[in-house]
Amino acid sequence: MSIHTLNSIVKRNASLNSKYGVTESKKAEIDALTIQVLNAQQNVALFQTIVESLTDKYNNFQTLLNTADSTRTQAFNNKNLGIQLVQSANNLMNNSSVAFNEVVNAKSKISEVAVNVKNLMDKLIYSVEVINKLATTVIRKKALNPLISDELVSMLSTAGSDANNVISLTLVALKSTFASQGAIMESESAIELSYAQAKELYNTLTVVPDASGNEKTYSLASILDVAYTDAQNNYAYMENAVAITEKQLSDSKADLSKAQIKLKSLQSGLAAANAAALAS
């Protein structure tokens, strides 16, 4: 074998070794890029799952926040209605108390009138008896003494008749007085019952000490007030939860965007490496 032939063989082997080294290097580069692409795809999938989960969480919290807002508004309206009811019950109780006092005063006055009418009746009856006796005496005297004036006899007769008429009218007045007393007594009972019921309603709506005086029962007004406070606290809690979740979702979307950009870059690099390997 000549020296020229040996040199040719050596050059051909060196060329093959060089080409083989380049191929292995590109293959290792492609494998590394492939692994990086797979890792980037896993990161994108992970961030996508996180974003979807946080989106669902955010939507749920937003729904709960809207519900909490409606509940808070309703609780506020209920609280104001409770305040109005307390005021109305207080006014009713005060008005019933005033009306009851007025009826009591009227009862006292009508009783006084009844006593006065009765006294007047007694005096009128006495006066009629006196007039009748006088008229009888004059008539008897007239029978014995014709000189007694007929006008006097007529006057006494008229006076007796008028007195009887007055007694009749006074009887009607006394009857009306008794009827008024009955009506006032009925009104007194009705107003007294109204006052008792108004007071009971007011006590139900407000905080009232129990029999021992140590503890307090829960009234409707206090329950409505507590319900509004709870509704406010729940709304604030949901509002904070929405804000936190919104921040988490925003950060996760940013991470997903970065991961997608990185994946596209690695995919482009891998495609270029594969193209270069095929071209060599």
Protein backbone atom coordinates (compact mmCIF):
# COMPACT_ATOMS: atom_id res chain seq x y z
CA MET A 1 0.00 0.00 0.00
CA SER A 2 1.45 3.31 -1.03
CA ILE A 3 1.92 6.32 1.16
CA HIS A 4 -0.66 8.22 -0.94
CA THR A 5 -3.25 5.55 -0.28
CA LEU A 6 -2.58 5.64 3.47
CA ASN A 7 -2.94 9.39 3.52
CA SER A 8 -6.30 9.14 1.72
CA ILE A 9 -7.61 6.61 4.24
CA VAL A 10 -6.53 8.78 7.17
CA LYS A 11 -8.20 11.86 5.68
CA ARG A 12 -11.44 9.93 5.02
CA ASN A 13 -11.56 8.60 8.63
CA ALA A 14 -10.91 12.06 10.05
CA SER A 15 -13.73 13.46 7.94
CA LEU A 16 -16.12 10.73 9.16
CA ASN A 17 -15.11 11.29 12.78
CA SER A 18 -15.66 15.03 12.40
CA LYS A 19 -19.06 14.55 10.81
CA TYR A 20 -20.05 12.03 13.45
CA GLY A 21 -19.04 14.46 16.22
CA VAL A 22 -21.18 17.23 14.72
CA THR A 23 -24.21 14.93 14.43
CA GLU A 24 -24.00 13.81 18.02
CA SER A 25 -23.69 17.41 19.18
CA LYS A 26 -26.81 18.46 17.25
CA LYS A 27 -28.70 15.45 18.54
CA ALA A 28 -27.78 16.35 22.13
CA GLU A 29 -28.85 19.94 21.49
CA ILE A 30 -32.16 18.78 20.02
CA ASP A 31 -32.74 16.41 22.94
CA ALA A 32 -32.05 19.20 25.43
CA LEU A 33 -34.40 21.55 23.59
CA THR A 34 -37.03 18.82 23.45
CA ILE A 35 -36.83 18.34 27.22
CA GLN A 36 -37.07 22.08 27.76
CA VAL A 37 -40.12 22.24 25.48
CA LEU A 38 -41.78 19.41 27.41
CA ASN A 39 -41.05 21.15 30.70
CA ALA A 40 -42.39 24.44 29.30
CA GLN A 41 -45.55 22.65 28.11
CA GLN A 42 -46.05 21.21 31.58
CA ASN A 43 -45.60 24.68 33.08
CA VAL A 44 -48.12 26.15 30.63
CA ALA A 45 -50.59 23.37 31.44
CA LEU A 46 -50.05 23.91 35.17
CA PHE A 47 -50.54 27.68 34.97
CA GLN A 48 -53.57 27.16 32.71
CA THR A 49 -55.11 24.88 35.33
CA ILE A 50 -54.36 27.42 38.06
CA VAL A 51 -55.91 30.24 36.01
CA GLU A 52 -59.04 28.20 35.31
CA SER A 53 -59.36 27.24 38.97
CA LEU A 54 -58.89 30.82 40.14
CA THR A 55 -61.35 32.04 37.50
CA ASP A 56 -64.01 29.67 38.88
CA LYS A 57 -63.12 30.74 42.40
CA TYR A 58 -63.34 34.41 41.47
CA ASN A 59 -66.72 33.96 39.77
CA ASN A 60 -68.06 32.07 42.80
CA PHE A 61 -66.84 34.75 45.19
CA GLN A 62 -68.29 37.46 42.95
CA THR A 63 -71.67 35.71 43.04
CA LEU A 64 -71.43 35.42 46.82
CA LEU A 65 -70.48 39.11 47.02
CA ASN A 66 -73.56 40.08 45.00
CA THR A 67 -75.71 37.94 47.28
CA ALA A 68 -74.06 39.48 50.35
CA ASP A 69 -74.74 42.95 48.95
CA SER A 70 -78.43 42.13 48.43
CA THR A 71 -78.63 40.66 51.93
CA ARG A 72 -76.93 43.72 53.39
CA THR A 73 -79.39 46.04 51.61
CA GLN A 74 -82.36 44.00 52.82
CA ALA A 75 -80.99 43.90 56.36
CA PHE A 76 -80.53 47.68 56.28
CA ASN A 77 -84.13 48.15 55.11
CA ASN A 78 -85.34 45.77 57.82
CA LYS A 79 -83.37 47.69 60.44
CA ASN A 80 -84.93 51.00 59.34
CA LEU A 81 -88.36 49.39 59.33
CA GLY A 82 -87.71 48.17 62.87
CA ILE A 83 -86.77 51.70 63.93
CA GLN A 84 -89.99 53.02 62.38
CA LEU A 85 -92.01 50.32 64.14
CA VAL A 86 -90.43 51.20 67.47
CA GLN A 87 -91.24 54.87 66.93
CA SER A 88 -94.81 54.07 65.90
CA ALA A 89 -95.29 51.79 68.91
CA ASN A 90 -93.88 54.49 71.18
CA ASN A 91 -96.21 57.10 69.68
CA LEU A 92 -99.17 54.74 70.01
CA MET A 93 -98.29 54.06 73.64
CA ASN A 94 -97.93 57.78 74.42
CA ASN A 95 -101.13 58.69 72.58
CA SER A 96 -103.00 55.92 74.39
CA SER A 97 -101.66 57.22 77.69
CA VAL A 98 -102.78 60.77 76.89
CA ALA A 99 -106.20 59.55 75.72
CA PHE A 100 -106.58 57.43 78.84
CA ASN A 101 -105.81 60.41 81.07
CA GLU A 102 -108.30 62.54 79.15
CA VAL A 103 -110.98 59.87 79.53
CA VAL A 104 -110.26 59.62 83.25
CA ASN A 105 -110.64 63.40 83.55
CA ALA A 106 -113.86 63.29 81.51
CA LYS A 107 -115.15 60.49 83.72
CA SER A 108 -114.45 62.60 86.78
CA LYS A 109 -116.20 65.62 85.22
CA ILE A 110 -119.26 63.64 84.10
CA SER A 111 -119.54 62.09 87.54
CA GLU A 112 -119.48 65.58 89.01
CA VAL A 113 -122.19 66.66 86.56
CA ALA A 114 -124.31 63.63 87.48
CA VAL A 115 -124.07 64.54 91.17
CA ASN A 116 -125.03 68.15 90.44
CA VAL A 117 -127.98 67.09 88.26
CA LYS A 118 -129.13 64.71 91.00
CA ASN A 119 -128.95 67.51 93.58
CA LEU A 120 -130.87 69.79 91.23
CA MET A 121 -133.46 67.05 90.77
CA ASP A 122 -133.91 66.73 94.52
CA LYS A 123 -134.37 70.50 94.87
CA LEU A 124 -136.84 70.60 91.98
CA ILE A 125 -138.91 67.79 93.47
CA TYR A 126 -138.94 69.62 96.78
CA SER A 127 -139.96 72.86 95.03
CA VAL A 128 -142.80 71.10 93.17
CA GLU A 129 -144.04 69.63 96.41
CA VAL A 130 -144.02 73.08 98.01
CA ILE A 131 -145.79 74.66 95.01
CA ASN A 132 -148.40 71.89 94.91
CA LYS A 133 -149.07 72.22 98.62
CA LEU A 134 -149.33 76.00 98.29
CA ALA A 135 -151.68 75.65 95.31
CA THR A 136 -153.87 73.19 97.22
CA THR A 137 -153.98 75.51 100.22
CA VAL A 138 -154.89 78.54 98.07
CA ILE A 139 -157.62 76.61 96.26
CA ARG A 140 -159.11 75.60 99.61
CA LYS A 141 -158.89 79.17 100.84
CA LYS A 142 -160.49 80.33 97.58
CA ALA A 143 -163.45 78.06 98.26
CA LEU A 144 -163.90 79.74 101.64
CA ASN A 145 -162.97 83.25 100.54
CA PRO A 146 -164.03 84.24 97.00
CA LEU A 147 -162.06 87.44 97.31
CA ILE A 148 -158.82 85.51 96.74
CA SER A 149 -157.61 86.39 93.25
CA ASP A 150 -158.27 83.90 90.45
CA GLU A 151 -155.01 85.09 88.89
CA LEU A 152 -153.09 83.86 91.94
CA VAL A 153 -154.73 80.45 91.66
CA SER A 154 -153.92 80.30 87.93
CA MET A 155 -150.32 81.42 88.56
CA LEU A 156 -149.78 78.70 91.16
CA SER A 157 -151.28 76.08 88.84
CA THR A 158 -149.01 77.21 86.02
CA ALA A 159 -145.98 77.22 88.33
CA GLY A 160 -146.73 73.65 89.37
CA SER A 161 -147.07 72.54 85.76
CA ASP A 162 -143.85 74.30 84.77
CA ALA A 163 -142.02 72.76 87.69
CA ASN A 164 -143.18 69.29 86.63
CA ASN A 165 -141.97 69.99 83.10
CA VAL A 166 -138.59 71.05 84.45
CA ILE A 167 -138.41 67.83 86.44
CA SER A 168 -139.13 65.86 83.25
CA LEU A 169 -136.38 67.70 81.36
CA THR A 170 -133.99 67.22 84.26
CA LEU A 171 -134.77 63.51 84.25
CA VAL A 172 -133.85 63.40 80.55
CA ALA A 173 -130.61 65.24 81.32
CA LEU A 174 -129.84 62.88 84.16
CA LYS A 175 -130.51 59.91 81.88
CA SER A 176 -128.16 61.37 79.26
CA THR A 177 -125.55 61.89 81.96
CA PHE A 178 -125.77 58.24 83.01
CA ALA A 179 -125.52 57.18 79.34
CA SER A 180 -122.43 59.34 78.95
CA GLN A 181 -120.94 57.76 82.04
CA GLY A 182 -121.50 54.31 80.53
CA ALA A 183 -119.93 55.33 77.23
CA ILE A 184 -116.95 56.87 79.01
CA MET A 185 -116.48 53.73 81.09
CA GLU A 186 -116.48 51.65 77.91
CA SER A 187 -114.02 54.07 76.30
CA GLU A 188 -111.85 53.93 79.40
CA SER A 189 -111.71 50.13 79.23
CA ALA A 190 -110.99 50.16 75.49
CA ILE A 191 -108.25 52.78 75.77
CA GLU A 192 -106.76 51.06 78.80
CA LEU A 193 -106.60 47.83 76.77
CA SER A 194 -105.13 49.74 73.82
CA TYR A 195 -102.47 51.25 76.06
CA ALA A 196 -101.59 47.84 77.53
CA GLN A 197 -101.28 46.33 74.05
CA ALA A 198 -99.21 49.29 72.77
CA LYS A 199 -96.90 48.99 75.76
CA GLU A 200 -96.52 45.25 75.20
CA LEU A 201 -95.74 45.86 71.51
CA TYR A 202 -93.17 48.51 72.42
CA ASN A 203 -91.57 46.16 74.95
CA THR A 204 -91.42 43.43 72.31
CA LEU A 205 -89.70 45.73 69.84
CA THR A 206 -87.17 47.08 72.34
CA VAL A 207 -84.71 45.53 74.77
CA VAL A 208 -86.54 44.92 78.04
CA PRO A 209 -85.01 43.52 81.28
CA ASP A 210 -86.38 40.18 82.37
CA ALA A 211 -88.08 39.55 85.71
CA SER A 212 -84.76 39.27 87.56
CA GLY A 213 -83.53 42.56 86.13
CA ASN A 214 -80.09 41.08 85.46
CA GLU A 215 -80.25 39.83 81.89
CA LYS A 216 -81.95 41.26 78.86
CA THR A 217 -84.15 39.49 76.38
CA TYR A 218 -83.52 39.79 72.65
CA SER A 219 -86.03 42.16 71.10
CA LEU A 220 -87.03 42.38 67.46
CA ALA A 221 -85.18 45.68 67.08
CA SER A 222 -81.95 44.27 68.53
CA ILE A 223 -82.22 41.15 66.35
CA LEU A 224 -82.62 43.30 63.22
CA ASP A 225 -79.66 45.43 64.30
CA VAL A 226 -77.48 42.36 64.85
CA ALA A 227 -78.61 40.94 61.49
CA TYR A 228 -77.55 44.15 59.73
CA THR A 229 -74.16 44.14 61.49
CA ASP A 230 -73.62 40.51 60.50
CA ALA A 231 -74.62 41.31 56.91
CA GLN A 232 -72.14 44.19 56.81
CA ASN A 233 -69.35 41.98 58.18
CA ASN A 234 -70.16 39.20 55.71
CA TYR A 235 -70.12 41.67 52.81
CA ALA A 236 -66.73 43.04 53.93
CA TYR A 237 -65.37 39.47 54.19
CA MET A 238 -66.61 38.55 50.70
CA GLU A 239 -65.30 41.83 49.29
CA ASN A 240 -61.85 41.07 50.71
CA ALA A 241 -62.01 37.49 49.37
CA VAL A 242 -62.88 38.80 45.88
CA ALA A 243 -59.99 41.30 45.99
CA ILE A 244 -57.48 38.63 47.09
CA THR A 245 -58.69 36.15 44.46
CA GLU A 246 -58.64 38.83 41.77
CA LYS A 247 -54.98 39.59 42.63
CA GLN A 248 -54.10 35.88 42.56
CA LEU A 249 -55.85 35.47 39.21
CA SER A 250 -54.05 38.48 37.76
CA ASP A 251 -50.66 37.14 38.90
CA SER A 252 -51.44 33.65 37.56
CA LYS A 253 -52.47 35.07 34.17
CA ALA A 254 -49.16 36.94 34.04
CA ASP A 255 -47.27 33.72 34.87
CA LEU A 256 -49.25 31.85 32.21
CA SER A 257 -48.46 34.52 29.63
CA LYS A 258 -44.73 34.30 30.45
CA ALA A 259 -44.82 30.49 30.27
CA GLN A 260 -46.59 30.61 26.90
CA ILE A 261 -44.04 33.06 25.52
CA LYS A 262 -41.19 30.88 26.77
CA LEU A 263 -42.81 27.77 25.26
CA LYS A 264 -43.18 29.44 21.87
CA SER A 265 -39.55 30.53 22.02
CA LEU A 266 -38.36 27.01 22.86
CA GLN A 267 -40.59 25.50 20.19
CA SER A 268 -39.11 27.90 17.65
CA GLY A 269 -35.59 26.99 18.78
CA LEU A 270 -36.39 23.26 18.55
CA ALA A 271 -37.87 23.67 15.08
CA ALA A 272 -34.76 25.56 13.95
CA ALA A 273 -32.46 22.90 15.41
CA ASN A 274 -34.38 20.12 13.67
CA ALA A 275 -34.24 22.02 10.38
CA ALA A 276 -30.50 22.53 10.74
CA ALA A 277 -29.98 18.86 11.51
CA LEU A 278 -31.92 17.82 8.45
CA ALA A 279 -29.99 20.25 6.27
CA SER A 280 -26.55 19.02 7.38
